[in-house]
């Protein structure tokens, strides 16, 4: 069963994906096609700052944003790398714990 923290994190991630998909679907992927963003939910309103801060959404004129696909791809690559560095140490710890139990069993302790 998922914890409330996991559910909240999933809702935040979904809101960020939805924000980017709105611009992708509208074809607002260059400065000439910048469009105002109408927030569909309070969660999306709170999460709009993250893609803007990451450079994924760029503000062209007052209230007009456009999706920078190159920045979106770079942000996805950064997230993937950070996940690798976060998961690899956990895998090492898991291997060490299993090895410790096997050694204890082999020694008969």
Protein backbone atom coordinates (compact mmCIF):
# COMPACT_ATOMS: atom_id res chain seq x y z
CA UNK A 1 0.00 0.00 0.00
CA UNK A 2 1.39 3.39 -1.00
CA UNK A 3 2.20 5.95 1.64
CA UNK A 4 0.77 9.44 1.58
CA UNK A 5 4.23 10.80 0.74
CA UNK A 6 4.46 8.51 -2.29
CA UNK A 7 0.99 9.53 -3.41
CA UNK A 8 1.86 13.21 -3.06
CA UNK A 9 5.09 12.73 -5.03
CA UNK A 10 3.16 10.94 -7.77
CA UNK A 11 0.61 13.78 -7.91
CA UNK A 12 3.39 16.36 -8.21
CA UNK A 13 5.10 14.41 -11.02
CA UNK A 14 1.79 13.98 -12.84
CA UNK A 15 1.05 17.71 -12.58
CA UNK A 16 4.46 18.56 -14.08
CA UNK A 17 3.94 16.11 -16.95
CA UNK A 18 0.49 17.51 -17.62
CA UNK A 19 1.85 21.05 -17.75
CA UNK A 20 4.40 20.10 -20.41
CA UNK A 21 1.86 18.04 -22.37
CA UNK A 22 -0.47 21.06 -22.64
CA UNK A 23 2.22 23.02 -24.47
CA UNK A 24 3.26 20.02 -26.56
CA UNK A 25 -0.33 19.38 -27.67
CA UNK A 26 -0.84 23.05 -28.56
CA UNK A 27 2.39 23.13 -30.57
CA UNK A 28 3.80 25.89 -28.37
CA UNK A 29 7.37 24.70 -28.85
CA UNK A 30 9.01 27.89 -30.09
CA UNK A 31 8.88 31.56 -29.07
CA UNK A 32 6.56 32.50 -31.94
CA UNK A 33 3.93 30.02 -30.66
CA UNK A 34 4.08 31.06 -26.99
CA UNK A 35 0.72 30.86 -25.27
CA UNK A 36 -0.76 31.74 -21.90
CA UNK A 37 -1.10 28.86 -19.48
CA UNK A 38 -4.50 28.26 -17.93
CA UNK A 39 -4.02 26.14 -14.86
CA UNK A 40 -6.38 23.19 -14.68
CA UNK A 41 -5.82 22.54 -10.97
CA UNK A 42 -4.25 24.07 -7.90
CA UNK A 43 -1.54 21.41 -8.04
CA UNK A 44 -0.57 22.50 -11.55
CA UNK A 45 -0.57 26.13 -10.44
CA UNK A 46 1.91 25.30 -7.66
CA UNK A 47 4.06 23.15 -9.95
CA UNK A 48 4.41 25.62 -12.83
CA UNK A 49 7.53 27.18 -11.30
CA UNK A 50 9.62 23.98 -11.57
CA UNK A 51 9.60 23.70 -15.39
CA UNK A 52 10.15 27.45 -15.63
CA UNK A 53 13.12 27.28 -13.21
CA UNK A 54 14.55 24.29 -15.11
CA UNK A 55 14.33 26.23 -18.39
CA UNK A 56 11.84 23.73 -19.83
CA UNK A 57 9.11 26.36 -20.06
CA UNK A 58 10.27 29.76 -21.18
CA UNK A 59 8.32 32.95 -20.79
CA UNK A 60 8.28 34.94 -24.02
CA UNK A 61 5.87 37.71 -23.20
CA UNK A 62 3.66 38.61 -20.26
CA UNK A 63 1.77 35.41 -19.53
CA UNK A 64 3.03 33.57 -22.62
CA UNK A 65 5.10 30.39 -22.27
CA UNK A 66 6.61 27.94 -24.73
CA UNK A 67 8.09 24.46 -24.29
CA UNK A 68 11.79 24.07 -25.02
CA UNK A 69 12.04 20.43 -26.14
CA UNK A 70 15.84 20.37 -25.88
CA UNK A 71 15.69 21.59 -22.29
CA UNK A 72 12.99 19.00 -21.56
CA UNK A 73 15.22 16.20 -22.88
CA UNK A 74 18.19 17.52 -20.88
CA UNK A 75 16.09 17.68 -17.69
CA UNK A 76 14.91 14.10 -18.23
CA UNK A 77 18.53 12.97 -18.68
CA UNK A 78 19.55 14.76 -15.46
CA UNK A 79 16.74 13.05 -13.55
CA UNK A 80 17.75 9.66 -14.95
CA UNK A 81 21.39 10.20 -13.90
CA UNK A 82 20.37 11.30 -10.41
CA UNK A 83 18.21 8.18 -10.09
CA UNK A 84 21.18 6.00 -11.07
CA UNK A 85 23.36 7.58 -8.40
CA UNK A 86 20.60 7.21 -5.83
CA UNK A 87 19.79 3.58 -6.60
CA UNK A 88 23.32 2.21 -7.10
CA UNK A 89 24.38 2.68 -3.44
CA UNK A 90 21.18 0.97 -2.29
CA UNK A 91 22.00 -1.99 -4.53
CA UNK A 92 25.50 -2.18 -3.05
CA UNK A 93 24.11 -2.16 0.48
CA UNK A 94 21.69 -4.93 -0.47
CA UNK A 95 24.50 -7.08 -1.86
CA UNK A 96 26.56 -6.51 1.29
CA UNK A 97 23.65 -7.52 3.55
CA UNK A 98 23.03 -10.70 1.56
CA UNK A 99 26.76 -11.51 1.62
CA UNK A 100 26.86 -10.97 5.38
CA UNK A 101 23.98 -13.42 5.92
CA UNK A 102 25.60 -15.99 3.63
CA UNK A 103 28.92 -15.75 5.47
CA UNK A 104 27.17 -16.09 8.85
CA UNK A 105 25.30 -19.16 7.59
CA UNK A 106 28.48 -20.68 6.16
CA UNK A 107 30.35 -20.15 9.44
CA UNK A 108 27.43 -21.61 11.37
CA UNK A 109 27.02 -18.60 13.60
